[in-house]
PDB file of N, CA and C in Angstrom:
ATOM      1  N   UNK A   1     108.593  76.734  83.895  1.00  0.00           N
ATOM      2  CA  UNK A   1     107.821  77.782  84.615  1.00  0.00           C
ATOM      3  C   UNK A   1     107.564  77.733  86.172  1.00  0.00           C
ATOM      4  N   UNK A   2     107.416  78.602  86.898  1.00  0.00           N
ATOM      5  CA  UNK A   2     107.634  78.872  88.729  1.00  0.00           C
ATOM      6  C   UNK A   2     106.188  79.314  88.883  1.00  0.00           C
ATOM      7  N   UNK A   3     105.359  78.578  89.444  1.00  0.00           N
ATOM      8  CA  UNK A   3     104.088  78.690  90.143  1.00  0.00           C
ATOM      9  C   UNK A   3     104.909  79.373  92.033  1.00  0.00           C
ATOM     10  N   UNK A   4     103.838  80.157  91.788  1.00  0.00           N
ATOM     11  CA  UNK A   4     104.218  80.943  93.336  1.00  0.00           C
ATOM     12  C   UNK A   4     102.697  81.201  94.337  1.00  0.00           C
ATOM     13  N   UNK A   5     102.754  80.211  95.096  1.00  0.00           N
ATOM     14  CA  UNK A   5     101.369  80.181  95.833  1.00  0.00           C
ATOM     15  C   UNK A   5     102.084  80.776  97.411  1.00  0.00           C
ATOM     16  N   UNK A   6     100.343  81.738  97.790  1.00  0.00           N
ATOM     17  CA  UNK A   6     100.620  82.836  98.813  1.00  0.00           C
ATOM     18  C   UNK A   6      99.617  82.715  99.544  1.00  0.00           C
ATOM     19  N   UNK A   7      99.474  82.297 101.275  1.00  0.00           N
ATOM     20  CA  UNK A   7      97.948  82.666 101.807  1.00  0.00           C
ATOM     21  C   UNK A   7      98.554  83.695 102.827  1.00  0.00           C
ATOM     22  N   UNK A   8      97.713  84.402 103.173  1.00  0.00           N
ATOM     23  CA  UNK A   8      97.885  85.164 104.338  1.00  0.00           C
ATOM     24  C   UNK A   8      96.722  85.368 105.640  1.00  0.00           C
ATOM     25  N   UNK A   9      97.133  85.272 106.702  1.00  0.00           N
ATOM     26  CA  UNK A   9      95.896  85.432 107.563  1.00  0.00           C
ATOM     27  C   UNK A   9      95.891  87.260 107.978  1.00  0.00           C
ATOM     28  N   UNK A  10      94.923  87.706 107.734  1.00  0.00           N
ATOM     29  CA  UNK A  10      94.949  89.027 108.630  1.00  0.00           C
ATOM     30  C   UNK A  10      94.356  89.147 110.030  1.00  0.00           C
ATOM     31  N   UNK A  11      94.576  90.596 110.313  1.00  0.00           N
ATOM     32  CA  UNK A  11      94.636  90.641 111.582  1.00  0.00           C
ATOM     33  C   UNK A  11      92.984  91.599 111.229  1.00  0.00           C
ATOM     34  N   UNK A  12      92.191  91.496 112.671  1.00  0.00           N
ATOM     35  CA  UNK A  12      90.703  91.907 112.750  1.00  0.00           C
ATOM     36  C   UNK A  12      90.427  93.121 112.551  1.00  0.00           C
ATOM     37  N   UNK A  13      91.308  93.952 112.685  1.00  0.00           N
ATOM     38  CA  UNK A  13      91.275  95.247 112.500  1.00  0.00           C
ATOM     39  C   UNK A  13      92.333  96.070 112.908  1.00  0.00           C
ATOM     40  N   UNK A  14      92.563  96.794 111.945  1.00  0.00           N
ATOM     41  CA  UNK A  14      93.990  97.010 111.522  1.00  0.00           C
ATOM     42  C   UNK A  14      94.048  98.184 110.421  1.00  0.00           C
ATOM     43  N   UNK A  15      95.177  99.690 111.089  1.00  0.00           N
ATOM     44  CA  UNK A  15      95.001 100.755 109.981  1.00  0.00           C
ATOM     45  C   UNK A  15      93.478 101.089 109.885  1.00  0.00           C
ATOM     46  N   UNK A  16      92.999 101.172 110.890  1.00  0.00           N
ATOM     47  CA  UNK A  16      91.236 101.755 110.764  1.00  0.00           C
ATOM     48  C   UNK A  16      90.302 100.975 110.429  1.00  0.00           C
ATOM     49  N   UNK A  17      90.682  99.358 109.887  1.00  0.00           N
ATOM     50  CA  UNK A  17      89.471  99.097 108.417  1.00  0.00           C
ATOM     51  C   UNK A  17      89.234  97.635 109.424  1.00  0.00           C
ATOM     52  N   UNK A  18      88.647  97.086 108.478  1.00  0.00           N
ATOM     53  CA  UNK A  18      87.974  95.592 109.040  1.00  0.00           C
ATOM     54  C   UNK A  18      88.999  94.634 108.153  1.00  0.00           C
ATOM     55  N   UNK A  19      88.895  93.762 108.947  1.00  0.00           N
ATOM     56  CA  UNK A  19      89.527  92.530 107.949  1.00  0.00           C
ATOM     57  C   UNK A  19      89.006  92.067 106.313  1.00  0.00           C
ATOM     58  N   UNK A  20      87.731  92.370 106.106  1.00  0.00           N
ATOM     59  CA  UNK A  20      87.224  92.228 104.867  1.00  0.00           C
ATOM     60  C   UNK A  20      87.671  93.580 103.847  1.00  0.00           C
ATOM     61  N   UNK A  21      88.069  94.705 104.721  1.00  0.00           N
ATOM     62  CA  UNK A  21      88.337  96.244 103.752  1.00  0.00           C
ATOM     63  C   UNK A  21      89.505  95.659 103.871  1.00  0.00           C
ATOM     64  N   UNK A  22      90.888  95.053 104.758  1.00  0.00           N
ATOM     65  CA  UNK A  22      92.140  95.296 103.804  1.00  0.00           C
ATOM     66  C   UNK A  22      91.704  94.065 103.057  1.00  0.00           C
ATOM     67  N   UNK A  23      91.018  93.281 103.257  1.00  0.00           N
ATOM     68  CA  UNK A  23      91.254  91.613 102.295  1.00  0.00           C
ATOM     69  C   UNK A  23      91.271  92.287 100.259  1.00  0.00           C
ATOM     70  N   UNK A  24      90.085  93.438 100.746  1.00  0.00           N
ATOM     71  CA  UNK A  24      89.497  93.840  99.276  1.00  0.00           C
ATOM     72  C   UNK A  24      90.960  94.911  98.582  1.00  0.00           C
ATOM     73  N   UNK A  25      91.621  95.399  99.643  1.00  0.00           N
ATOM     74  CA  UNK A  25      92.606  96.769  98.926  1.00  0.00           C
ATOM     75  C   UNK A  25      93.732  95.991  98.621  1.00  0.00           C
ATOM     76  N   UNK A  26      94.186  94.643  99.744  1.00  0.00           N
ATOM     77  CA  UNK A  26      95.198  94.024  99.342  1.00  0.00           C
ATOM     78  C   UNK A  26      95.008  92.989  97.559  1.00  0.00           C
ATOM     79  N   UNK A  27      93.549  92.462  97.628  1.00  0.00           N
ATOM     80  CA  UNK A  27      93.490  92.143  96.370  1.00  0.00           C
ATOM     81  C   UNK A  27      93.383  92.979  94.768  1.00  0.00           C
ATOM     82  N   UNK A  28      93.125  94.262  94.799  1.00  0.00           N
ATOM     83  CA  UNK A  28      92.940  95.381  94.140  1.00  0.00           C
ATOM     84  C   UNK A  28      94.371  95.756  93.941  1.00  0.00           C
ATOM     85  N   UNK A  29      95.474  96.004  95.379  1.00  0.00           N
ATOM     86  CA  UNK A  29      96.334  96.110  94.917  1.00  0.00           C
ATOM     87  C   UNK A  29      97.427  95.248  93.901  1.00  0.00           C
ATOM     88  N   UNK A  30      97.759  93.533  94.178  1.00  0.00           N
ATOM     89  CA  UNK A  30      98.189  92.929  93.972  1.00  0.00           C
ATOM     90  C   UNK A  30      97.608  92.706  92.247  1.00  0.00           C
ATOM     91  N   UNK A  31      96.420  92.573  92.506  1.00  0.00           N
ATOM     92  CA  UNK A  31      95.913  92.506  90.906  1.00  0.00           C
ATOM     93  C   UNK A  31      96.676  93.883  89.974  1.00  0.00           C
ATOM     94  N   UNK A  32      96.367  95.019  90.849  1.00  0.00           N
ATOM     95  CA  UNK A  32      97.345  95.869  90.213  1.00  0.00           C
ATOM     96  C   UNK A  32      98.198  95.949  89.011  1.00  0.00           C
ATOM     97  N   UNK A  33      99.118  94.492  90.054  1.00  0.00           N
ATOM     98  CA  UNK A  33     100.301  94.738  89.429  1.00  0.00           C
ATOM     99  C   UNK A  33     100.403  93.796  88.067  1.00  0.00           C
ATOM    100  N   UNK A  34      99.454  93.265  87.804  1.00  0.00           N
ATOM    101  CA  UNK A  34      99.813  92.645  86.198  1.00  0.00           C
ATOM    102  C   UNK A  34      99.728  93.913  85.162  1.00  0.00           C
ATOM    103  N   UNK A  35     100.956  93.855  84.221  1.00  0.00           N
ATOM    104  CA  UNK A  35     100.633  94.982  83.626  1.00  0.00           C
ATOM    105  C   UNK A  35     101.581  95.740  83.448  1.00  0.00           C
ATOM    106  N   UNK A  36     102.138  96.040  85.305  1.00  0.00           N
ATOM    107  CA  UNK A  36     103.119  96.797  85.559  1.00  0.00           C
ATOM    108  C   UNK A  36     104.300  96.494  85.477  1.00  0.00           C
ATOM    109  N   UNK A  37     104.307  94.578  85.762  1.00  0.00           N
ATOM    110  CA  UNK A  37     105.346  94.243  86.025  1.00  0.00           C
ATOM    111  C   UNK A  37     105.684  92.819  84.840  1.00  0.00           C
ATOM    112  N   UNK A  38     106.436  93.149  83.973  1.00  0.00           N
ATOM    113  CA  UNK A  38     106.280  92.397  83.046  1.00  0.00           C
ATOM    114  C   UNK A  38     106.664  91.038  82.788  1.00  0.00           C
ATOM    115  N   UNK A  39     107.010  90.577  84.033  1.00  0.00           N
ATOM    116  CA  UNK A  39     107.578  89.621  84.610  1.00  0.00           C
ATOM    117  C   UNK A  39     106.385  88.140  85.264  1.00  0.00           C
ATOM    118  N   UNK A  40     105.392  89.079  85.501  1.00  0.00           N
ATOM    119  CA  UNK A  40     104.534  88.644  85.994  1.00  0.00           C
ATOM    120  C   UNK A  40     103.458  88.392  84.885  1.00  0.00           C
ATOM    121  N   UNK A  41     103.245  86.863  84.462  1.00  0.00           N
ATOM    122  CA  UNK A  41     102.294  86.416  83.268  1.00  0.00           C
ATOM    123  C   UNK A  41     101.054  86.195  84.102  1.00  0.00           C
ATOM    124  N   UNK A  42     100.904  85.376  84.837  1.00  0.00           N
ATOM    125  CA  UNK A  42      99.279  85.419  85.498  1.00  0.00           C
ATOM    126  C   UNK A  42      99.320  85.236  87.207  1.00  0.00           C
ATOM    127  N   UNK A  43      98.284  86.084  87.302  1.00  0.00           N
ATOM    128  CA  UNK A  43      97.945  86.116  88.763  1.00  0.00           C
ATOM    129  C   UNK A  43      96.479  86.171  89.085  1.00  0.00           C
ATOM    130  N   UNK A  44      96.075  86.024  90.539  1.00  0.00           N
ATOM    131  CA  UNK A  44      94.710  85.419  90.207  1.00  0.00           C
ATOM    132  C   UNK A  44      95.025  85.847  92.145  1.00  0.00           C
ATOM    133  N   UNK A  45      94.291  86.493  92.888  1.00  0.00           N
ATOM    134  CA  UNK A  45      93.847  86.761  94.287  1.00  0.00           C
ATOM    135  C   UNK A  45      92.450  86.487  94.533  1.00  0.00           C
ATOM    136  N   UNK A  46      92.377  85.672  95.340  1.00  0.00           N
ATOM    137  CA  UNK A  46      91.012  85.399  95.793  1.00  0.00           C
ATOM    138  C   UNK A  46      90.641  85.054  97.872  1.00  0.00           C
ATOM    139  N   UNK A  47      89.913  85.750  98.017  1.00  0.00           N
ATOM    140  CA  UNK A  47      89.340  86.338  99.403  1.00  0.00           C
ATOM    141  C   UNK A  47      88.306  84.962  99.746  1.00  0.00           C
ATOM    142  N   UNK A  48      88.883  84.476 100.801  1.00  0.00           N
ATOM    143  CA  UNK A  48      88.300  83.126 101.791  1.00  0.00           C
ATOM    144  C   UNK A  48      86.675  83.504 101.565  1.00  0.00           C
ATOM    145  N   UNK A  49      85.718  82.632 101.749  1.00  0.00           N
ATOM    146  CA  UNK A  49      84.584  83.165 101.725  1.00  0.00           C
ATOM    147  C   UNK A  49      83.994  83.053 103.079  1.00  0.00           C
ATOM    148  N   UNK A  50      82.591  84.143 103.702  1.00  0.00           N
ATOM    149  CA  UNK A  50      82.831  83.997 104.647  1.00  0.00           C
ATOM    150  C   UNK A  50      82.099  82.631 105.343  1.00  0.00           C
ATOM    151  N   UNK A  51      81.401  82.109 105.194  1.00  0.00           N
ATOM    152  CA  UNK A  51      80.730  80.976 105.340  1.00  0.00           C
ATOM    153  C   UNK A  51      81.549  79.861 105.284  1.00  0.00           C
ATOM    154  N   UNK A  52      82.768  80.185 105.211  1.00  0.00           N
ATOM    155  CA  UNK A  52      83.922  78.763 105.375  1.00  0.00           C
ATOM    156  C   UNK A  52      84.757  78.752 106.823  1.00  0.00           C
ATOM    157  N   UNK A  53      85.297  77.779 107.165  1.00  0.00           N
ATOM    158  CA  UNK A  53      85.938  77.719 109.012  1.00  0.00           C
ATOM    159  C   UNK A  53      86.699  79.446 109.163  1.00  0.00           C
ATOM    160  N   UNK A  54      86.582  79.708 110.102  1.00  0.00           N
ATOM    161  CA  UNK A  54      87.640  80.601 110.677  1.00  0.00           C
ATOM    162  C   UNK A  54      88.865  80.103 110.396  1.00  0.00           C
ATOM    163  N   UNK A  55      89.005  79.101 110.414  1.00  0.00           N
ATOM    164  CA  UNK A  55      90.629  78.417 110.856  1.00  0.00           C
ATOM    165  C   UNK A  55      90.865  78.798 109.469  1.00  0.00           C
ATOM    166  N   UNK A  56      90.658  78.757 108.424  1.00  0.00           N
ATOM    167  CA  UNK A  56      91.393  79.074 107.152  1.00  0.00           C
ATOM    168  C   UNK A  56      91.847  80.404 107.267  1.00  0.00           C
ATOM    169  N   UNK A  57      92.903  80.701 105.809  1.00  0.00           N
ATOM    170  CA  UNK A  57      93.721  82.124 105.711  1.00  0.00           C
ATOM    171  C   UNK A  57      92.574  82.491 104.788  1.00  0.00           C
ATOM    172  N   UNK A  58      92.359  84.267 105.076  1.00  0.00           N
ATOM    173  CA  UNK A  58      92.186  85.055 104.382  1.00  0.00           C
ATOM    174  C   UNK A  58      92.492  85.276 102.842  1.00  0.00           C
ATOM    175  N   UNK A  59      92.962  85.440 102.572  1.00  0.00           N
ATOM    176  CA  UNK A  59      93.557  85.456 100.933  1.00  0.00           C
ATOM    177  C   UNK A  59      94.580  85.102 100.793  1.00  0.00           C
ATOM    178  N   UNK A  60      94.120  84.269  99.017  1.00  0.00           N
ATOM    179  CA  UNK A  60      95.070  83.597  98.426  1.00  0.00           C
ATOM    180  C   UNK A  60      95.726  84.568  96.927  1.00  0.00           C
ATOM    181  N   UNK A  61      96.837  84.054  97.456  1.00  0.00           N
ATOM    182  CA  UNK A  61      97.842  84.820  95.879  1.00  0.00           C
ATOM    183  C   UNK A  61      98.667  83.406  95.107  1.00  0.00           C
ATOM    184  N   UNK A  62      98.108  83.483  93.875  1.00  0.00           N
ATOM    185  CA  UNK A  62      98.499  82.442  93.011  1.00  0.00           C
ATOM    186  C   UNK A  62      99.321  83.134  91.898  1.00  0.00           C
ATOM    187  N   UNK A  63     100.614  83.202  91.791  1.00  0.00           N
ATOM    188  CA  UNK A  63     101.157  83.876  90.196  1.00  0.00           C
ATOM    189  C   UNK A  63     102.015  83.069  89.369  1.00  0.00           C
ATOM    190  N   UNK A  64     102.165  82.845  87.957  1.00  0.00           N
ATOM    191  CA  UNK A  64     103.152  82.265  87.316  1.00  0.00           C
ATOM    192  C   UNK A  64     103.965  83.392  86.738  1.00  0.00           C
ATOM    193  N   UNK A  65     105.608  82.877  86.781  1.00  0.00           N
ATOM    194  CA  UNK A  65     106.142  83.466  86.665  1.00  0.00           C
ATOM    195  C   UNK A  65     107.327  82.079  85.068  1.00  0.00           C
ATOM    196  N   UNK A  66     108.077  82.740  84.386  1.00  0.00           N
ATOM    197  CA  UNK A  66     108.953  82.212  83.503  1.00  0.00           C
ATOM    198  C   UNK A  66     109.966  81.139  84.210  1.00  0.00           C
ATOM    199  N   UNK A  67     110.388  82.184  85.369  1.00  0.00           N
ATOM    200  CA  UNK A  67     111.811  81.379  86.015  1.00  0.00           C
ATOM    201  C   UNK A  67     111.551  82.022  87.436  1.00  0.00           C
ATOM    202  N   UNK A  68     112.639  81.652  88.122  1.00  0.00           N
ATOM    203  CA  UNK A  68     113.268  81.820  89.432  1.00  0.00           C
ATOM    204  C   UNK A  68     113.376  83.481  89.149  1.00  0.00           C
ATOM    205  N   UNK A  69     114.242  83.989  88.650  1.00  0.00           N
ATOM    206  CA  UNK A  69     114.658  85.469  88.371  1.00  0.00           C
ATOM    207  C   UNK A  69     113.607  86.010  88.517  1.00  0.00           C
ATOM    208  N   UNK A  70     112.582  85.535  87.253  1.00  0.00           N
ATOM    209  CA  UNK A  70     111.342  86.325  86.993  1.00  0.00           C
ATOM    210  C   UNK A  70     110.608  87.301  88.531  1.00  0.00           C
ATOM    211  N   UNK A  71     110.371  85.772  89.057  1.00  0.00           N
ATOM    212  CA  UNK A  71     109.340  86.048  90.458  1.00  0.00           C
ATOM    213  C   UNK A  71     110.327  87.253  91.554  1.00  0.00           C
ATOM    214  N   UNK A  72     112.234  86.790  91.369  1.00  0.00           N
ATOM    215  CA  UNK A  72     112.662  87.669  92.311  1.00  0.00           C
ATOM    216  C   UNK A  72     112.577  88.908  91.722  1.00  0.00           C
ATOM    217  N   UNK A  73     112.544  89.268  90.324  1.00  0.00           N
ATOM    218  CA  UNK A  73     112.639  90.462  89.813  1.00  0.00           C
ATOM    219  C   UNK A  73     110.664  90.874  90.516  1.00  0.00           C
ATOM    220  N   UNK A  74     109.674  90.331  90.462  1.00  0.00           N
ATOM    221  CA  UNK A  74     108.578  90.533  90.890  1.00  0.00           C
ATOM    222  C   UNK A  74     108.367  90.718  92.162  1.00  0.00           C
ATOM    223  N   UNK A  75     109.217  90.055  93.422  1.00  0.00           N
ATOM    224  CA  UNK A  75     109.295  90.309  94.376  1.00  0.00           C
ATOM    225  C   UNK A  75     110.086  91.476  95.118  1.00  0.00           C
ATOM    226  N   UNK A  76     111.192  92.311  94.008  1.00  0.00           N
ATOM    227  CA  UNK A  76     111.722  93.407  94.153  1.00  0.00           C
ATOM    228  C   UNK A  76     111.395  94.465  93.751  1.00  0.00           C
ATOM    229  N   UNK A  77     110.720  94.283  92.875  1.00  0.00           N
ATOM    230  CA  UNK A  77     109.629  95.376  92.159  1.00  0.00           C
ATOM    231  C   UNK A  77     109.155  96.726  93.022  1.00  0.00           C
ATOM    232  N   UNK A  78     109.257  98.310  93.055  1.00  0.00           N
ATOM    233  CA  UNK A  78     109.174  99.002  93.822  1.00  0.00           C
ATOM    234  C   UNK A  78     107.176  98.871  94.057  1.00  0.00           C
ATOM    235  N   UNK A  79     106.856  98.303  92.853  1.00  0.00           N
ATOM    236  CA  UNK A  79     105.293  98.564  93.184  1.00  0.00           C
ATOM    237  C   UNK A  79     104.956  97.522  94.106  1.00  0.00           C
ATOM    238  N   UNK A  80     105.810  96.451  93.625  1.00  0.00           N
ATOM    239  CA  UNK A  80     105.282  95.237  94.592  1.00  0.00           C
ATOM    240  C   UNK A  80     105.649  95.162  96.273  1.00  0.00           C
ATOM    241  N   UNK A  81     106.707  95.887  96.281  1.00  0.00           N
ATOM    242  CA  UNK A  81     107.487  96.234  97.764  1.00  0.00           C
ATOM    243  C   UNK A  81     106.414  97.146  98.374  1.00  0.00           C
ATOM    244  N   UNK A  82     105.452  98.320  98.158  1.00  0.00           N
ATOM    245  CA  UNK A  82     104.179  99.197  98.226  1.00  0.00           C
ATOM    246  C   UNK A  82     103.260  98.379  99.013  1.00  0.00           C
ATOM    247  N   UNK A  83     102.587  97.642  98.036  1.00  0.00           N
ATOM    248  CA  UNK A  83     101.947  95.873  98.479  1.00  0.00           C
ATOM    249  C   UNK A  83     102.067  95.550  99.886  1.00  0.00           C
ATOM    250  N   UNK A  84     103.363  95.328  99.219  1.00  0.00           N
ATOM    251  CA  UNK A  84     103.598  94.104 100.683  1.00  0.00           C
ATOM    252  C   UNK A  84     104.540  94.883 101.845  1.00  0.00           C
ATOM    253  N   UNK A  85     104.211  96.432 102.081  1.00  0.00           N
ATOM    254  CA  UNK A  85     104.031  96.861 102.895  1.00  0.00           C
ATOM    255  C   UNK A  85     102.699  96.592 103.568  1.00  0.00           C
ATOM    256  N   UNK A  86     102.191  97.064 102.721  1.00  0.00           N
ATOM    257  CA  UNK A  86     100.490  97.329 103.627  1.00  0.00           C
ATOM    258  C   UNK A  86     100.673  95.814 104.042  1.00  0.00           C
ATOM    259  N   UNK A  87     100.813  95.191 103.662  1.00  0.00           N
ATOM    260  CA  UNK A  87     100.377  93.363 103.630  1.00  0.00           C
ATOM    261  C   UNK A  87     100.812  93.611 105.142  1.00  0.00           C
ATOM    262  N   UNK A  88     101.965  93.850 105.181  1.00  0.00           N
ATOM    263  CA  UNK A  88     102.984  93.702 106.520  1.00  0.00           C
ATOM    264  C   UNK A  88     102.547  94.118 107.983  1.00  0.00           C
ATOM    265  N   UNK A  89     101.599  94.901 107.222  1.00  0.00           N
ATOM    266  CA  UNK A  89     101.085  95.804 108.642  1.00  0.00           C
ATOM    267  C   UNK A  89      99.447  95.272 109.329  1.00  0.00           C
ATOM    268  N   UNK A  90      99.107  94.435 108.478  1.00  0.00           N
ATOM    269  CA  UNK A  90      97.855  94.148 108.452  1.00  0.00           C
ATOM    270  C   UNK A  90      97.652  92.578 108.884  1.00  0.00           C
ATOM    271  N   UNK A  91      98.390  91.764 108.314  1.00  0.00           N
ATOM    272  CA  UNK A  91      98.950  90.176 108.203  1.00  0.00           C
ATOM    273  C   UNK A  91      98.893  89.783 109.476  1.00  0.00           C
ATOM    274  N   UNK A  92      98.589  88.620 110.047  1.00  0.00           N
ATOM    275  CA  UNK A  92      99.266  87.841 110.875  1.00  0.00           C
ATOM    276  C   UNK A  92      99.919  86.483 111.102  1.00  0.00           C
ATOM    277  N   UNK A  93      99.927  86.538 109.649  1.00  0.00           N
ATOM    278  CA  UNK A  93     100.394  85.241 108.999  1.00  0.00           C
ATOM    279  C   UNK A  93     100.725  85.098 107.969  1.00  0.00           C
ATOM    280  N   UNK A  94     101.667  83.876 107.472  1.00  0.00           N
ATOM    281  CA  UNK A  94     101.920  84.123 106.095  1.00  0.00           C
ATOM    282  C   UNK A  94     102.447  82.574 105.746  1.00  0.00           C
ATOM    283  N   UNK A  95     101.952  81.579 104.434  1.00  0.00           N
ATOM    284  CA  UNK A  95     102.413  80.728 104.402  1.00  0.00           C
ATOM    285  C   UNK A  95     102.832  80.712 102.582  1.00  0.00           C
ATOM    286  N   UNK A  96     103.788  80.600 101.995  1.00  0.00           N
ATOM    287  CA  UNK A  96     104.092  80.276 100.624  1.00  0.00           C
ATOM    288  C   UNK A  96     104.820  78.761 100.183  1.00  0.00           C
ATOM    289  N   UNK A  97     104.608  78.649  99.121  1.00  0.00           N
ATOM    290  CA  UNK A  97     105.004  77.471  98.338  1.00  0.00           C
ATOM    291  C   UNK A  97     105.382  78.356  96.419  1.00  0.00           C
ATOM    292  N   UNK A  98     106.710  77.940  96.480  1.00  0.00           N
ATOM    293  CA  UNK A  98     106.984  78.419  95.271  1.00  0.00           C
ATOM    294  C   UNK A  98     107.543  76.942  94.166  1.00  0.00           C
ATOM    295  N   UNK A  99     106.926  76.566  93.521  1.00  0.00           N
ATOM    296  CA  UNK A  99     107.283  75.054  92.586  1.00  0.00           C
ATOM    297  C   UNK A  99     107.984  75.561  90.842  1.00  0.00           C
ATOM    298  N   UNK A 100     108.028  74.532  90.293  1.00  0.00           N
ATOM    299  CA  UNK A 100     108.478  74.652  88.965  1.00  0.00           C
ATOM    300  C   UNK A 100     107.728  73.219  88.490  1.00  0.00           C
ATOM    301  N   UNK A 101     107.021  73.702  87.136  1.00  0.00           N
ATOM    302  CA  UNK A 101     106.443  72.768  86.315  1.00  0.00           C
ATOM    303  C   UNK A 101     106.537  73.015  84.685  1.00  0.00           C
TER     304      UNK A 101
END
């Protein structure tokens, strides 16, 4: 099994929306991929709690896949690319780890 964990830092005001509005849009967009992309076995999207340090990243994405090949299918799926395009417009940072268990 491959676990895919990504953290995003978002800009304060982009696309005419606040950081929290963009975080909610991203969360919904990513969660909606479940059931659309069969290779995506599990997904959780968390928005950082507002009372925690500002140095924290804003969004955490956790996904599970059967294989790296399935992760690649997910990453190149047209619906994922749509969400990714939006994220690309509003993010200021991204870190990722993919590991096998």
